[in-house]
Amino acid sequence: MKSRLIRFTLFTILATLLSLLVACGGGAVAAADLPVYPAAVQLQTGEDPIADTLANNMAQDAAMRNSLGVGGKMEQMVFRLPENTSWDQVNNFFDAELKAAGWDSGLGGMAGSIAADAMASANAGNEMFQMGMWSKGQQNLTLTRMVDVSNTTQPYLILSLNTN
């Protein structure tokens, strides 16, 4: 069950990012340049199955972009958040940090706030899985907070940065 939830979650994230492949657009930043939630611990490839899956996602994304002849890239990282960290805490932290760095909530553009509003509505009804999106120039950032179904006090944060 846990494995299926993780695979579904990661598939959803990959599908979302691939749909943003041709999204509208600043100088690009790397995922490592983005803020990190206080006391969050980055999980490493080869040491954690979620990190391994994200590494595979990035390789598949690069291969797909190469075969389609489009530029850009996707970077993903996963963090173990401090126990009982809520979505509101994560969202408020990143919203303040990212807006201070020139990022907009949602996907940008005229209808960009529609995505943010839809996410907020969906997040309100689900304590196990929440998402937020920000955009700046040719980049879109998706944050996904999910909890371990076997330990609901242990949240994780997946950061997905798509550069077009």
N, C-alpha and C. Protein backbone atom coordinates (compact mmCIF):
# COMPACT_ATOMS: atom_id res chain seq x y z
N MET A 1 0.82 -1.19 0.00
CA MET A 1 0.00 0.00 0.00
C MET A 1 0.87 1.26 0.00
N LYS A 2 1.87 1.28 0.92
CA LYS A 2 2.76 2.44 1.00
C LYS A 2 3.52 2.62 -0.31
N SER A 3 4.02 1.51 -0.86
CA SER A 3 4.77 1.57 -2.10
C SER A 3 3.90 2.09 -3.24
N ARG A 4 2.65 1.63 -3.28
CA ARG A 4 1.75 2.09 -4.32
C ARG A 4 1.45 3.58 -4.19
N LEU A 5 1.27 4.07 -2.97
CA LEU A 5 1.03 5.48 -2.74
C LEU A 5 2.23 6.31 -3.17
N ILE A 6 3.42 5.85 -2.84
CA ILE A 6 4.63 6.58 -3.23
C ILE A 6 4.77 6.60 -4.75
N ARG A 7 4.55 5.44 -5.40
CA ARG A 7 4.65 5.39 -6.86
C ARG A 7 3.60 6.29 -7.50
N PHE A 8 2.37 6.27 -6.97
CA PHE A 8 1.31 7.12 -7.51
C PHE A 8 1.68 8.58 -7.34
N THR A 9 2.17 8.94 -6.16
CA THR A 9 2.55 10.32 -5.89
C THR A 9 3.65 10.77 -6.84
N LEU A 10 4.67 9.97 -6.99
CA LEU A 10 5.79 10.34 -7.86
C LEU A 10 5.37 10.39 -9.32
N PHE A 11 4.48 9.47 -9.72
CA PHE A 11 3.96 9.51 -11.09
C PHE A 11 3.18 10.80 -11.32
N THR A 12 2.37 11.19 -10.33
CA THR A 12 1.59 12.41 -10.44
C THR A 12 2.50 13.62 -10.59
N ILE A 13 3.55 13.66 -9.80
CA ILE A 13 4.49 14.77 -9.88
C ILE A 13 5.16 14.81 -11.25
N LEU A 14 5.61 13.65 -11.73
CA LEU A 14 6.26 13.60 -13.03
C LEU A 14 5.29 14.03 -14.14
N ALA A 15 4.06 13.57 -14.07
CA ALA A 15 3.06 13.95 -15.07
C ALA A 15 2.80 15.45 -15.04
N THR A 16 2.72 16.03 -13.84
CA THR A 16 2.52 17.47 -13.71
C THR A 16 3.68 18.22 -14.33
N LEU A 17 4.88 17.78 -14.02
CA LEU A 17 6.05 18.48 -14.55
C LEU A 17 6.17 18.35 -16.06
N LEU A 18 5.84 17.20 -16.57
CA LEU A 18 5.91 17.03 -18.02
C LEU A 18 4.86 17.89 -18.72
N SER A 19 3.72 18.08 -18.06
CA SER A 19 2.70 18.95 -18.66
C SER A 19 3.15 20.39 -18.67
N LEU A 20 4.10 20.73 -17.81
CA LEU A 20 4.63 22.09 -17.76
C LEU A 20 5.80 22.30 -18.72
N LEU A 21 6.14 21.28 -19.47
CA LEU A 21 7.31 21.32 -20.35
C LEU A 21 7.31 22.54 -21.25
N VAL A 22 6.17 22.92 -21.75
CA VAL A 22 6.10 24.06 -22.65
C VAL A 22 5.43 25.26 -21.99
N ALA A 23 5.44 25.31 -20.66
CA ALA A 23 4.81 26.40 -19.93
C ALA A 23 5.55 27.72 -20.19
N CYS A 24 4.83 28.82 -19.92
CA CYS A 24 5.44 30.13 -20.13
C CYS A 24 6.51 30.44 -19.10
N GLY A 25 7.34 31.40 -19.45
CA GLY A 25 8.42 31.75 -18.61
C GLY A 25 8.15 32.78 -17.54
N GLY A 26 14.11 36.16 -16.76
CA GLY A 26 14.74 35.81 -15.56
C GLY A 26 15.81 34.76 -15.65
N GLY A 27 16.48 34.93 -15.01
CA GLY A 27 17.62 34.06 -14.86
C GLY A 27 17.27 32.79 -14.10
N ALA A 28 17.67 31.70 -14.66
CA ALA A 28 17.34 30.41 -14.05
C ALA A 28 18.18 30.16 -12.79
N VAL A 29 17.56 29.49 -11.83
CA VAL A 29 18.26 29.05 -10.63
C VAL A 29 18.30 27.53 -10.64
N ALA A 30 19.23 26.96 -9.90
CA ALA A 30 19.28 25.51 -9.73
C ALA A 30 18.49 25.14 -8.49
N ALA A 31 18.04 23.90 -8.43
CA ALA A 31 17.28 23.45 -7.27
C ALA A 31 18.08 23.65 -5.98
N ALA A 32 19.38 23.45 -6.05
CA ALA A 32 20.23 23.60 -4.86
C ALA A 32 20.28 25.04 -4.37
N ASP A 33 19.88 26.01 -5.22
CA ASP A 33 19.88 27.42 -4.84
C ASP A 33 18.60 27.85 -4.13
N LEU A 34 17.59 27.00 -4.14
CA LEU A 34 16.31 27.33 -3.54
C LEU A 34 16.37 27.21 -2.02
N PRO A 35 15.49 27.91 -1.31
CA PRO A 35 15.50 27.80 0.15
C PRO A 35 15.18 26.38 0.61
N VAL A 36 15.68 26.03 1.77
CA VAL A 36 15.42 24.72 2.37
C VAL A 36 14.64 24.97 3.66
N TYR A 37 13.58 24.20 3.85
CA TYR A 37 12.77 24.35 5.06
C TYR A 37 13.66 24.08 6.29
N PRO A 38 13.53 24.90 7.34
CA PRO A 38 14.37 24.73 8.53
C PRO A 38 14.31 23.31 9.12
N ALA A 39 15.46 22.76 9.39
CA ALA A 39 15.65 21.43 10.00
C ALA A 39 15.24 20.28 9.08
N ALA A 40 14.96 20.57 7.81
CA ALA A 40 14.67 19.49 6.85
C ALA A 40 15.97 18.79 6.49
N VAL A 41 15.90 17.48 6.27
CA VAL A 41 17.08 16.68 5.94
C VAL A 41 16.91 16.14 4.52
N GLN A 42 17.85 16.48 3.63
CA GLN A 42 17.76 15.97 2.26
C GLN A 42 18.10 14.49 2.23
N LEU A 43 17.27 13.72 1.54
CA LEU A 43 17.50 12.29 1.39
C LEU A 43 18.31 12.06 0.12
N GLN A 44 19.24 11.13 0.17
CA GLN A 44 20.21 10.95 -0.90
C GLN A 44 19.92 9.73 -1.76
N THR A 45 20.24 9.85 -3.04
CA THR A 45 20.16 8.73 -3.97
C THR A 45 21.07 7.61 -3.47
N GLY A 46 20.59 6.39 -3.55
CA GLY A 46 21.36 5.26 -3.08
C GLY A 46 21.13 4.95 -1.61
N GLU A 47 20.48 5.87 -0.91
CA GLU A 47 20.21 5.68 0.51
C GLU A 47 18.73 5.68 0.83
N ASP A 48 17.90 6.12 -0.12
CA ASP A 48 16.47 6.23 0.13
C ASP A 48 15.71 5.91 -1.16
N PRO A 49 14.65 5.10 -1.09
CA PRO A 49 13.92 4.72 -2.31
C PRO A 49 13.21 5.89 -2.99
N ILE A 50 12.76 6.87 -2.22
CA ILE A 50 12.12 8.03 -2.86
C ILE A 50 13.16 8.81 -3.65
N ALA A 51 14.33 9.03 -3.06
CA ALA A 51 15.41 9.74 -3.77
C ALA A 51 15.82 8.97 -5.02
N ASP A 52 15.85 7.64 -4.94
CA ASP A 52 16.18 6.83 -6.12
C ASP A 52 15.14 7.02 -7.22
N THR A 53 13.87 7.04 -6.84
CA THR A 53 12.80 7.22 -7.82
C THR A 53 12.90 8.59 -8.49
N LEU A 54 13.21 9.62 -7.71
CA LEU A 54 13.35 10.96 -8.28
C LEU A 54 14.52 11.02 -9.25
N ALA A 55 15.61 10.33 -8.95
CA ALA A 55 16.76 10.29 -9.86
C ALA A 55 16.33 9.64 -11.18
N ASN A 56 15.53 8.58 -11.10
CA ASN A 56 15.01 7.94 -12.32
C ASN A 56 14.09 8.89 -13.08
N ASN A 57 13.25 9.64 -12.35
CA ASN A 57 12.37 10.62 -13.00
C ASN A 57 13.18 11.62 -13.81
N MET A 58 14.26 12.13 -13.21
CA MET A 58 15.09 13.13 -13.90
C MET A 58 15.75 12.54 -15.14
N ALA A 59 16.19 11.30 -15.05
CA ALA A 59 16.80 10.64 -16.21
C ALA A 59 15.77 10.45 -17.32
N GLN A 60 14.56 10.03 -16.96
CA GLN A 60 13.50 9.85 -17.96
C GLN A 60 13.10 11.18 -18.58
N ASP A 61 13.02 12.23 -17.78
CA ASP A 61 12.67 13.54 -18.29
C ASP A 61 13.73 14.01 -19.28
N ALA A 62 15.01 13.84 -18.94
CA ALA A 62 16.10 14.25 -19.84
C ALA A 62 16.04 13.48 -21.15
N ALA A 63 15.77 12.18 -21.06
CA ALA A 63 15.68 11.36 -22.28
C ALA A 63 14.50 11.81 -23.14
N MET A 64 13.36 12.10 -22.50
CA MET A 64 12.18 12.54 -23.25
C MET A 64 12.43 13.88 -23.92
N ARG A 65 13.00 14.81 -23.19
CA ARG A 65 13.30 16.13 -23.78
C ARG A 65 14.27 16.00 -24.95
N ASN A 66 15.27 15.12 -24.79
CA ASN A 66 16.25 14.90 -25.85
C ASN A 66 15.58 14.32 -27.08
N SER A 67 14.72 13.33 -26.89
CA SER A 67 14.07 12.69 -28.04
C SER A 67 13.09 13.63 -28.73
N LEU A 68 12.51 14.59 -27.97
CA LEU A 68 11.58 15.55 -28.55
C LEU A 68 12.29 16.77 -29.12
N GLY A 69 13.58 16.89 -28.80
CA GLY A 69 14.35 18.03 -29.29
C GLY A 69 14.01 19.33 -28.61
N VAL A 70 13.56 19.25 -27.36
CA VAL A 70 13.25 20.47 -26.61
C VAL A 70 14.31 20.67 -25.53
N GLY A 71 14.51 21.90 -25.14
CA GLY A 71 15.50 22.20 -24.11
C GLY A 71 14.89 22.12 -22.72
N GLY A 72 15.67 22.59 -21.78
CA GLY A 72 15.22 22.63 -20.39
C GLY A 72 15.60 21.39 -19.63
N LYS A 73 15.20 21.40 -18.35
CA LYS A 73 15.48 20.23 -17.53
C LYS A 73 14.58 20.25 -16.30
N MET A 74 14.55 19.11 -15.64
CA MET A 74 13.82 18.97 -14.39
C MET A 74 14.81 18.52 -13.32
N GLU A 75 14.73 19.17 -12.16
CA GLU A 75 15.53 18.78 -11.00
C GLU A 75 14.57 18.45 -9.87
N GLN A 76 14.81 17.34 -9.18
CA GLN A 76 13.97 16.95 -8.06
C GLN A 76 14.83 16.59 -6.86
N MET A 77 14.34 16.96 -5.68
CA MET A 77 15.00 16.63 -4.42
C MET A 77 13.92 16.26 -3.42
N VAL A 78 14.26 15.40 -2.47
CA VAL A 78 13.31 15.02 -1.42
C VAL A 78 13.95 15.28 -0.05
N PHE A 79 13.12 15.77 0.85
CA PHE A 79 13.56 16.08 2.20
C PHE A 79 12.65 15.41 3.22
N ARG A 80 13.21 14.98 4.32
CA ARG A 80 12.42 14.55 5.47
C ARG A 80 12.23 15.80 6.32
N LEU A 81 10.98 16.16 6.53
CA LEU A 81 10.66 17.34 7.33
C LEU A 81 10.64 16.97 8.81
N PRO A 82 10.78 17.95 9.69
CA PRO A 82 10.61 17.65 11.12
C PRO A 82 9.22 17.06 11.37
N GLU A 83 9.13 16.17 12.34
CA GLU A 83 7.85 15.53 12.64
C GLU A 83 6.77 16.58 12.87
N ASN A 84 5.56 16.24 12.42
CA ASN A 84 4.35 17.06 12.59
C ASN A 84 4.41 18.41 11.88
N THR A 85 5.29 18.58 10.92
CA THR A 85 5.32 19.82 10.14
C THR A 85 4.08 19.85 9.24
N SER A 86 3.30 20.88 9.37
CA SER A 86 2.05 20.98 8.60
C SER A 86 2.29 21.60 7.24
N TRP A 87 1.30 21.43 6.36
CA TRP A 87 1.37 22.06 5.05
C TRP A 87 1.36 23.57 5.19
N ASP A 88 0.56 24.10 6.11
CA ASP A 88 0.52 25.56 6.29
C ASP A 88 1.90 26.10 6.66
N GLN A 89 2.63 25.40 7.51
CA GLN A 89 3.98 25.84 7.88
C GLN A 89 4.90 25.82 6.66
N VAL A 90 4.86 24.74 5.90
CA VAL A 90 5.71 24.61 4.71
C VAL A 90 5.33 25.67 3.68
N ASN A 91 4.05 25.78 3.39
CA ASN A 91 3.57 26.72 2.38
C ASN A 91 3.90 28.17 2.76
N ASN A 92 3.68 28.54 4.02
CA ASN A 92 3.97 29.90 4.46
C ASN A 92 5.46 30.21 4.36
N PHE A 93 6.31 29.26 4.74
CA PHE A 93 7.75 29.45 4.65
C PHE A 93 8.18 29.69 3.20
N PHE A 94 7.78 28.78 2.31
CA PHE A 94 8.22 28.89 0.92
C PHE A 94 7.57 30.08 0.22
N ASP A 95 6.32 30.38 0.54
CA ASP A 95 5.67 31.53 -0.09
C ASP A 95 6.43 32.81 0.25
N ALA A 96 6.81 32.99 1.51
CA ALA A 96 7.55 34.19 1.91
C ALA A 96 8.94 34.22 1.27
N GLU A 97 9.66 33.10 1.34
CA GLU A 97 11.03 33.05 0.80
C GLU A 97 11.04 33.24 -0.72
N LEU A 98 10.13 32.55 -1.40
CA LEU A 98 10.12 32.62 -2.86
C LEU A 98 9.63 33.98 -3.36
N LYS A 99 8.60 34.52 -2.74
CA LYS A 99 8.12 35.85 -3.17
C LYS A 99 9.20 36.90 -2.96
N ALA A 100 9.98 36.79 -1.88
CA ALA A 100 11.08 37.73 -1.64
C ALA A 100 12.15 37.61 -2.73
N ALA A 101 12.24 36.45 -3.37
CA ALA A 101 13.22 36.23 -4.44
C ALA A 101 12.61 36.46 -5.83
N GLY A 102 11.39 36.99 -5.89
CA GLY A 102 10.78 37.33 -7.17
C GLY A 102 9.89 36.27 -7.79
N TRP A 103 9.58 35.21 -7.07
CA TRP A 103 8.71 34.16 -7.59
C TRP A 103 7.25 34.54 -7.37
N ASP A 104 6.37 34.08 -8.26
CA ASP A 104 4.93 34.28 -8.13
C ASP A 104 4.25 32.98 -7.77
N SER A 105 3.23 33.07 -6.94
CA SER A 105 2.45 31.90 -6.60
C SER A 105 1.64 31.46 -7.82
N GLY A 106 1.54 30.17 -8.05
CA GLY A 106 0.83 29.66 -9.23
C GLY A 106 1.76 29.54 -10.41
N LEU A 107 1.18 29.53 -11.58
CA LEU A 107 1.96 29.30 -12.79
C LEU A 107 2.29 30.57 -13.55
N GLY A 108 1.97 31.74 -13.01
CA GLY A 108 2.27 32.99 -13.68
C GLY A 108 1.29 33.26 -14.81
N GLY A 109 1.46 34.40 -15.43
CA GLY A 109 0.59 34.76 -16.52
C GLY A 109 -0.79 35.20 -16.03
N MET A 110 -1.67 35.48 -16.99
CA MET A 110 -2.99 36.01 -16.67
C MET A 110 -3.83 35.05 -15.82
N ALA A 111 -3.74 33.78 -16.10
CA ALA A 111 -4.56 32.80 -15.37
C ALA A 111 -3.76 32.00 -14.36
N GLY A 112 -2.56 32.46 -14.06
CA GLY A 112 -1.67 31.71 -13.18
C GLY A 112 -2.21 31.47 -11.79
N SER A 113 -3.00 32.41 -11.27
CA SER A 113 -3.52 32.25 -9.92
C SER A 113 -4.61 31.18 -9.85
N ILE A 114 -5.18 30.82 -10.99
CA ILE A 114 -6.21 29.77 -11.00
C ILE A 114 -5.62 28.46 -10.49
N ALA A 115 -4.40 28.13 -10.91
CA ALA A 115 -3.75 26.90 -10.45
C ALA A 115 -3.51 26.96 -8.94
N ALA A 116 -3.07 28.10 -8.44
CA ALA A 116 -2.82 28.24 -7.00
C ALA A 116 -4.12 28.09 -6.22
N ASP A 117 -5.19 28.69 -6.72
CA ASP A 117 -6.49 28.58 -6.05
C ASP A 117 -7.01 27.15 -6.06
N ALA A 118 -6.85 26.46 -7.18
CA ALA A 118 -7.29 25.07 -7.27
C ALA A 118 -6.48 24.18 -6.32
N MET A 119 -5.17 24.42 -6.25
CA MET A 119 -4.33 23.65 -5.33
C MET A 119 -4.75 23.88 -3.89
N ALA A 120 -5.00 25.14 -3.53
CA ALA A 120 -5.40 25.46 -2.15
C ALA A 120 -6.69 24.74 -1.78
N SER A 121 -7.61 24.70 -2.71
CA SER A 121 -8.88 24.01 -2.46
C SER A 121 -8.67 22.51 -2.28
N ALA A 122 -7.87 21.91 -3.14
CA ALA A 122 -7.60 20.47 -3.04
C ALA A 122 -6.81 20.15 -1.77
N ASN A 123 -5.87 21.01 -1.41
CA ASN A 123 -5.04 20.78 -0.23
C ASN A 123 -5.85 20.81 1.05
N ALA A 124 -6.90 21.63 1.08
CA ALA A 124 -7.70 21.79 2.29
C ALA A 124 -8.37 20.48 2.71
N GLY A 125 -8.66 19.62 1.76
CA GLY A 125 -9.35 18.38 2.07
C GLY A 125 -8.46 17.16 2.20
N ASN A 126 -7.14 17.34 2.21
CA ASN A 126 -6.25 16.19 2.21
C ASN A 126 -5.03 16.45 3.08
N GLU A 127 -4.97 15.84 4.24
CA GLU A 127 -3.82 16.02 5.14
C GLU A 127 -2.63 15.14 4.77
N MET A 128 -2.84 14.17 3.86
CA MET A 128 -1.78 13.23 3.52
C MET A 128 -0.91 13.69 2.35
N PHE A 129 -1.46 14.60 1.52
CA PHE A 129 -0.78 14.96 0.27
C PHE A 129 -1.21 16.37 -0.12
N GLN A 130 -0.27 17.30 -0.17
CA GLN A 130 -0.57 18.67 -0.59
C GLN A 130 0.49 19.16 -1.56
N MET A 131 0.07 20.07 -2.44
CA MET A 131 0.99 20.61 -3.44
C MET A 131 0.85 22.12 -3.55
N GLY A 132 1.94 22.77 -3.91
CA GLY A 132 1.94 24.19 -4.22
C GLY A 132 2.85 24.45 -5.40
N MET A 133 2.55 25.52 -6.15
CA MET A 133 3.36 25.85 -7.33
C MET A 133 3.73 27.32 -7.30
N TRP A 134 4.93 27.60 -7.79
CA TRP A 134 5.42 28.96 -7.95
C TRP A 134 6.11 29.04 -9.31
N SER A 135 6.17 30.24 -9.85
CA SER A 135 6.84 30.41 -11.16
C SER A 135 7.66 31.69 -11.16
N LYS A 136 8.71 31.64 -11.97
CA LYS A 136 9.58 32.81 -12.17
C LYS A 136 10.27 32.64 -13.51
N GLY A 137 10.02 33.57 -14.42
CA GLY A 137 10.64 33.49 -15.74
C GLY A 137 10.30 32.18 -16.42
N GLN A 138 11.31 31.43 -16.81
CA GLN A 138 11.13 30.17 -17.51
C GLN A 138 11.14 28.97 -16.57
N GLN A 139 10.89 29.20 -15.28
CA GLN A 139 10.94 28.10 -14.31
C GLN A 139 9.63 27.96 -13.54
N ASN A 140 9.30 26.73 -13.25
CA ASN A 140 8.15 26.39 -12.42
C ASN A 140 8.63 25.49 -11.30
N LEU A 141 8.22 25.80 -10.09
CA LEU A 141 8.58 25.02 -8.92
C LEU A 141 7.31 24.40 -8.34
N THR A 142 7.34 23.10 -8.14
CA THR A 142 6.25 22.40 -7.49
C THR A 142 6.77 21.79 -6.20
N LEU A 143 6.08 22.07 -5.11
CA LEU A 143 6.39 21.46 -3.82
C LEU A 143 5.28 20.49 -3.48
N THR A 144 5.65 19.32 -3.04
CA THR A 144 4.69 18.30 -2.64
C THR A 144 5.03 17.83 -1.24
N ARG A 145 4.08 18.01 -0.32
CA ARG A 145 4.24 17.49 1.04
C ARG A 145 3.38 16.25 1.14
N MET A 146 3.99 15.17 1.58
CA MET A 146 3.24 13.93 1.77
C MET A 146 3.69 13.30 3.08
N VAL A 147 2.82 12.48 3.64
CA VAL A 147 3.18 11.82 4.89
C VAL A 147 3.32 10.32 4.65
N ASP A 148 4.14 9.72 5.48
CA ASP A 148 4.34 8.28 5.46
C ASP A 148 3.06 7.65 6.02
N VAL A 149 2.40 6.81 5.23
CA VAL A 149 1.13 6.23 5.67
C VAL A 149 1.31 5.33 6.89
N SER A 150 2.50 4.82 7.13
CA SER A 150 2.74 3.99 8.31
C SER A 150 3.11 4.83 9.53
N ASN A 151 3.38 6.13 9.32
CA ASN A 151 3.72 7.03 10.41
C ASN A 151 3.27 8.43 10.01
N THR A 152 2.03 8.76 10.30
CA THR A 152 1.44 10.01 9.81
C THR A 152 2.04 11.26 10.45
N THR A 153 2.92 11.10 11.43
CA THR A 153 3.59 12.28 11.99
C THR A 153 4.85 12.62 11.21
N GLN A 154 5.26 11.73 10.25
CA GLN A 154 6.50 11.95 9.51
C GLN A 154 6.21 12.45 8.09
N PRO A 155 6.33 13.76 7.87
CA PRO A 155 6.11 14.30 6.53
C PRO A 155 7.40 14.37 5.71
N TYR A 156 7.21 14.33 4.40
CA TYR A 156 8.30 14.47 3.44
C TYR A 156 7.96 15.62 2.50
N LEU A 157 8.97 16.21 1.92
CA LEU A 157 8.78 17.30 0.97
C LEU A 157 9.55 16.99 -0.30
N ILE A 158 8.85 16.96 -1.42
CA ILE A 158 9.49 16.78 -2.72
C ILE A 158 9.49 18.12 -3.43
N LEU A 159 10.65 18.53 -3.86
CA LEU A 159 10.85 19.77 -4.58
C LEU A 159 11.12 19.41 -6.04
N SER A 160 10.31 19.94 -6.95
CA SER A 160 10.48 19.67 -8.38
C SER A 160 10.60 21.00 -9.11
N LEU A 161 11.75 21.23 -9.72
CA LEU A 161 12.02 22.48 -10.44
C LEU A 161 12.12 22.17 -11.93
N ASN A 162 11.23 22.79 -12.69
CA ASN A 162 11.21 22.60 -14.14
C ASN A 162 11.70 23.88 -14.81
N THR A 163 12.74 23.76 -15.62
CA THR A 163 13.30 24.89 -16.35
C THR A 163 13.07 24.67 -17.83
N ASN A 164 12.45 25.66 -18.47
CA ASN A 164 12.16 25.57 -19.91
C ASN A 164 13.17 26.36 -20.71
